[in-house]
N, C-alpha and C. Protein backbone atom coordinates (compact mmCIF):
# COMPACT_ATOMS: atom_id res chain seq x y z
N MET A 1 -190.82 -72.44 82.66
CA MET A 1 -190.86 -73.00 81.39
C MET A 1 -190.43 -72.46 80.40
N LYS A 2 -190.20 -72.55 79.23
CA LYS A 2 -189.50 -71.98 78.17
C LYS A 2 -190.99 -72.11 77.13
N ASN A 3 -190.84 -71.26 76.46
CA ASN A 3 -191.62 -71.13 74.68
C ASN A 3 -191.28 -70.38 73.72
N ASN A 4 -192.09 -70.62 72.92
CA ASN A 4 -191.92 -70.02 71.31
C ASN A 4 -193.20 -69.31 70.95
N LEU A 5 -193.83 -68.85 71.86
CA LEU A 5 -195.26 -67.96 71.38
C LEU A 5 -194.58 -66.94 70.80
N LYS A 6 -193.89 -65.63 71.03
CA LYS A 6 -193.35 -64.99 70.50
C LYS A 6 -192.89 -65.43 68.49
N VAL A 7 -191.93 -66.17 68.51
CA VAL A 7 -191.67 -66.68 67.31
C VAL A 7 -192.78 -67.31 66.77
N LEU A 8 -193.95 -67.55 67.01
CA LEU A 8 -194.78 -68.10 66.36
C LEU A 8 -195.89 -67.09 65.92
N ARG A 9 -195.94 -66.02 66.65
CA ARG A 9 -197.01 -64.90 66.53
C ARG A 9 -196.05 -64.63 65.59
N ALA A 10 -194.54 -63.84 65.46
CA ALA A 10 -193.72 -63.38 64.08
C ALA A 10 -194.24 -63.87 63.04
N VAL A 11 -194.39 -64.91 62.75
CA VAL A 11 -193.87 -66.12 62.25
C VAL A 11 -195.48 -65.72 61.02
N ALA A 12 -196.50 -65.81 61.97
CA ALA A 12 -198.08 -65.50 61.66
C ALA A 12 -198.46 -64.31 61.82
N SER A 13 -197.36 -63.73 61.49
CA SER A 13 -197.43 -61.85 61.93
C SER A 13 -198.76 -61.18 62.73
N ILE A 14 -198.64 -61.19 63.37
CA ILE A 14 -200.18 -60.93 64.28
C ILE A 14 -199.71 -60.36 65.90
N SER A 15 -200.50 -59.77 66.00
CA SER A 15 -199.57 -59.29 67.24
C SER A 15 -200.51 -59.65 68.56
N GLN A 16 -199.94 -59.18 69.86
CA GLN A 16 -200.29 -60.00 71.16
C GLN A 16 -201.70 -59.54 71.33
N GLY A 17 -202.06 -58.52 71.07
CA GLY A 17 -203.42 -57.88 71.04
C GLY A 17 -204.81 -58.66 69.76
N ASP A 18 -204.06 -59.36 69.21
CA ASP A 18 -204.65 -59.80 67.71
C ASP A 18 -204.94 -61.41 68.43
N LEU A 19 -203.67 -61.69 69.02
CA LEU A 19 -203.98 -63.27 69.51
C LEU A 19 -204.43 -63.22 70.85
N ALA A 20 -204.66 -62.17 71.67
CA ALA A 20 -205.57 -62.05 72.82
C ALA A 20 -207.05 -62.48 72.32
N ASP A 21 -206.97 -61.10 71.32
CA ASP A 21 -208.33 -61.24 71.31
C ASP A 21 -209.11 -62.41 70.50
N ARG A 22 -208.08 -63.79 69.65
CA ARG A 22 -208.96 -64.75 69.11
C ARG A 22 -208.81 -65.61 69.87
N ILE A 23 -208.15 -66.02 71.18
CA ILE A 23 -208.13 -66.69 72.21
C ILE A 23 -209.11 -66.16 73.32
N GLN A 24 -209.56 -65.14 73.06
CA GLN A 24 -210.39 -64.48 74.41
C GLN A 24 -209.04 -64.59 75.92
N VAL A 25 -207.90 -63.71 75.94
CA VAL A 25 -207.37 -63.40 77.30
C VAL A 25 -207.14 -62.19 76.78
N SER A 26 -206.52 -61.49 77.55
CA SER A 26 -205.98 -60.17 77.94
C SER A 26 -204.53 -60.00 77.18
N ARG A 27 -204.13 -59.11 76.42
CA ARG A 27 -203.16 -59.03 75.55
C ARG A 27 -201.96 -59.07 77.01
N GLN A 28 -201.91 -58.61 78.01
CA GLN A 28 -201.33 -58.81 79.17
C GLN A 28 -201.01 -60.25 79.44
N THR A 29 -202.01 -61.07 79.28
CA THR A 29 -201.80 -62.15 79.55
C THR A 29 -200.41 -62.90 78.57
N ILE A 30 -201.03 -62.86 77.19
CA ILE A 30 -199.70 -63.21 76.07
C ILE A 30 -198.52 -62.40 76.68
N ASN A 31 -198.75 -61.61 77.24
CA ASN A 31 -197.21 -60.94 77.36
C ASN A 31 -196.56 -61.15 78.26
N ALA A 32 -197.46 -61.48 79.51
CA ALA A 32 -196.75 -62.24 80.63
C ALA A 32 -196.44 -63.83 80.36
N ILE A 33 -197.14 -64.70 79.37
CA ILE A 33 -196.87 -65.84 78.56
C ILE A 33 -195.34 -65.43 78.20
N GLU A 34 -195.29 -64.88 77.00
CA GLU A 34 -194.09 -64.44 76.00
C GLU A 34 -192.95 -64.20 77.17
N THR A 35 -192.84 -63.53 78.06
CA THR A 35 -192.04 -63.36 79.27
C THR A 35 -191.32 -64.73 80.12
N GLY A 36 -191.97 -65.42 80.39
CA GLY A 36 -192.17 -66.30 81.42
C GLY A 36 -192.67 -66.07 82.37
N LYS A 37 -193.35 -64.69 82.89
CA LYS A 37 -193.81 -64.42 84.00
C LYS A 37 -195.10 -65.44 84.43
N TYR A 38 -195.66 -65.60 83.57
CA TYR A 38 -196.91 -66.96 83.93
C TYR A 38 -197.28 -67.93 82.76
N VAL A 39 -197.09 -68.92 83.47
CA VAL A 39 -197.42 -69.90 82.74
C VAL A 39 -199.00 -70.45 82.61
N PRO A 40 -199.48 -70.71 81.24
CA PRO A 40 -200.72 -70.99 80.71
C PRO A 40 -201.31 -71.83 81.70
N SER A 41 -202.85 -71.97 81.73
CA SER A 41 -203.32 -73.64 82.31
C SER A 41 -203.31 -74.17 80.96
N THR A 42 -204.09 -75.60 81.42
CA THR A 42 -203.73 -75.99 80.20
C THR A 42 -204.84 -75.79 78.99
N VAL A 43 -206.37 -75.53 79.45
CA VAL A 43 -207.10 -75.02 78.49
C VAL A 43 -206.45 -73.94 77.39
N LEU A 44 -205.85 -73.07 78.09
CA LEU A 44 -205.24 -71.70 77.69
C LEU A 44 -204.00 -72.65 76.36
N ALA A 45 -203.26 -73.50 76.66
CA ALA A 45 -201.91 -74.15 76.24
C ALA A 45 -202.35 -74.51 75.27
N LEU A 46 -203.44 -75.15 75.01
CA LEU A 46 -204.70 -76.27 73.72
C LEU A 46 -205.29 -74.63 73.31
N LYS A 47 -205.64 -74.03 73.35
CA LYS A 47 -206.08 -73.08 72.60
C LYS A 47 -205.13 -72.64 71.50
N LEU A 48 -204.01 -72.16 72.49
CA LEU A 48 -202.83 -71.36 71.28
C LEU A 48 -202.21 -72.64 70.60
N ALA A 49 -202.02 -73.98 71.45
CA ALA A 49 -201.93 -74.86 70.10
C ALA A 49 -203.11 -75.09 69.31
N ARG A 50 -204.00 -75.11 69.58
CA ARG A 50 -204.94 -74.80 68.12
C ARG A 50 -204.91 -74.02 67.29
N PHE A 51 -204.71 -73.12 67.74
CA PHE A 51 -204.62 -71.75 66.80
C PHE A 51 -203.64 -71.58 66.02
N PHE A 52 -201.90 -72.00 66.41
CA PHE A 52 -201.23 -72.01 65.82
C PHE A 52 -201.24 -73.25 64.79
N GLU A 53 -202.26 -74.27 65.22
CA GLU A 53 -201.86 -75.79 64.40
C GLU A 53 -200.47 -76.10 64.87
N LYS A 54 -199.89 -76.46 66.36
CA LYS A 54 -198.79 -76.89 66.68
C LYS A 54 -199.26 -77.97 67.78
N PRO A 55 -198.60 -78.82 68.43
CA PRO A 55 -198.43 -79.87 69.22
C PRO A 55 -198.29 -78.38 70.41
N VAL A 56 -198.49 -78.78 71.65
CA VAL A 56 -198.91 -77.96 73.00
C VAL A 56 -196.85 -78.46 73.18
N GLU A 57 -196.31 -79.20 72.66
CA GLU A 57 -195.20 -79.31 73.29
C GLU A 57 -193.99 -78.45 72.50
N GLU A 58 -194.63 -78.20 70.78
CA GLU A 58 -193.81 -77.54 70.17
C GLU A 58 -194.08 -75.75 70.81
N ILE A 59 -195.03 -75.80 70.94
CA ILE A 59 -194.85 -74.32 71.66
C ILE A 59 -194.10 -74.07 73.21
N PHE A 60 -194.62 -74.67 74.17
CA PHE A 60 -193.88 -75.04 75.33
C PHE A 60 -193.03 -75.98 75.79
N GLN A 61 -191.99 -75.49 76.45
CA GLN A 61 -190.95 -76.56 77.16
C GLN A 61 -190.82 -76.53 78.13
N LEU A 62 -190.40 -78.07 78.74
CA LEU A 62 -189.65 -77.83 80.07
C LEU A 62 -188.62 -77.37 80.34
N GLU A 63 -188.02 -76.62 81.60
CA GLU A 63 -186.59 -77.00 81.48
C GLU A 63 -186.02 -77.45 82.91
N PRO A 64 -184.52 -77.44 82.70
CA PRO A 64 -184.49 -78.63 83.32
C PRO A 64 -184.77 -78.74 85.19
N ASP A 65 -184.93 -77.45 85.39
CA ASP A 65 -185.24 -77.16 86.89
C ASP A 65 -187.05 -77.34 87.18
N ASP A 66 -187.53 -77.46 85.77
CA ASP A 66 -189.22 -77.71 86.25
C ASP A 66 -189.42 -79.01 86.71
N ASP A 67 -188.72 -79.85 86.55
CA ASP A 67 -189.41 -81.22 87.21
C ASP A 67 -189.00 -81.37 88.60
N GLN A 68 -188.78 -80.74 89.41
CA GLN A 68 -188.48 -80.32 90.66
C GLN A 68 -189.60 -80.28 91.67
């Protein structure tokens, strides 16, 4: 799964740590999501969408091999 989290953070001028604090996860979780090492839960994806005021689909996109 691809995501635009790093770009959205840059536009909002917010660090990984600040974002993590705001949505109550660790900075390591934000880093793992950004690097594609971790796929967030539905609840976490919705928290991120709410924070950035974007639909979940604008933050996360399935890759062709994700639907197998």
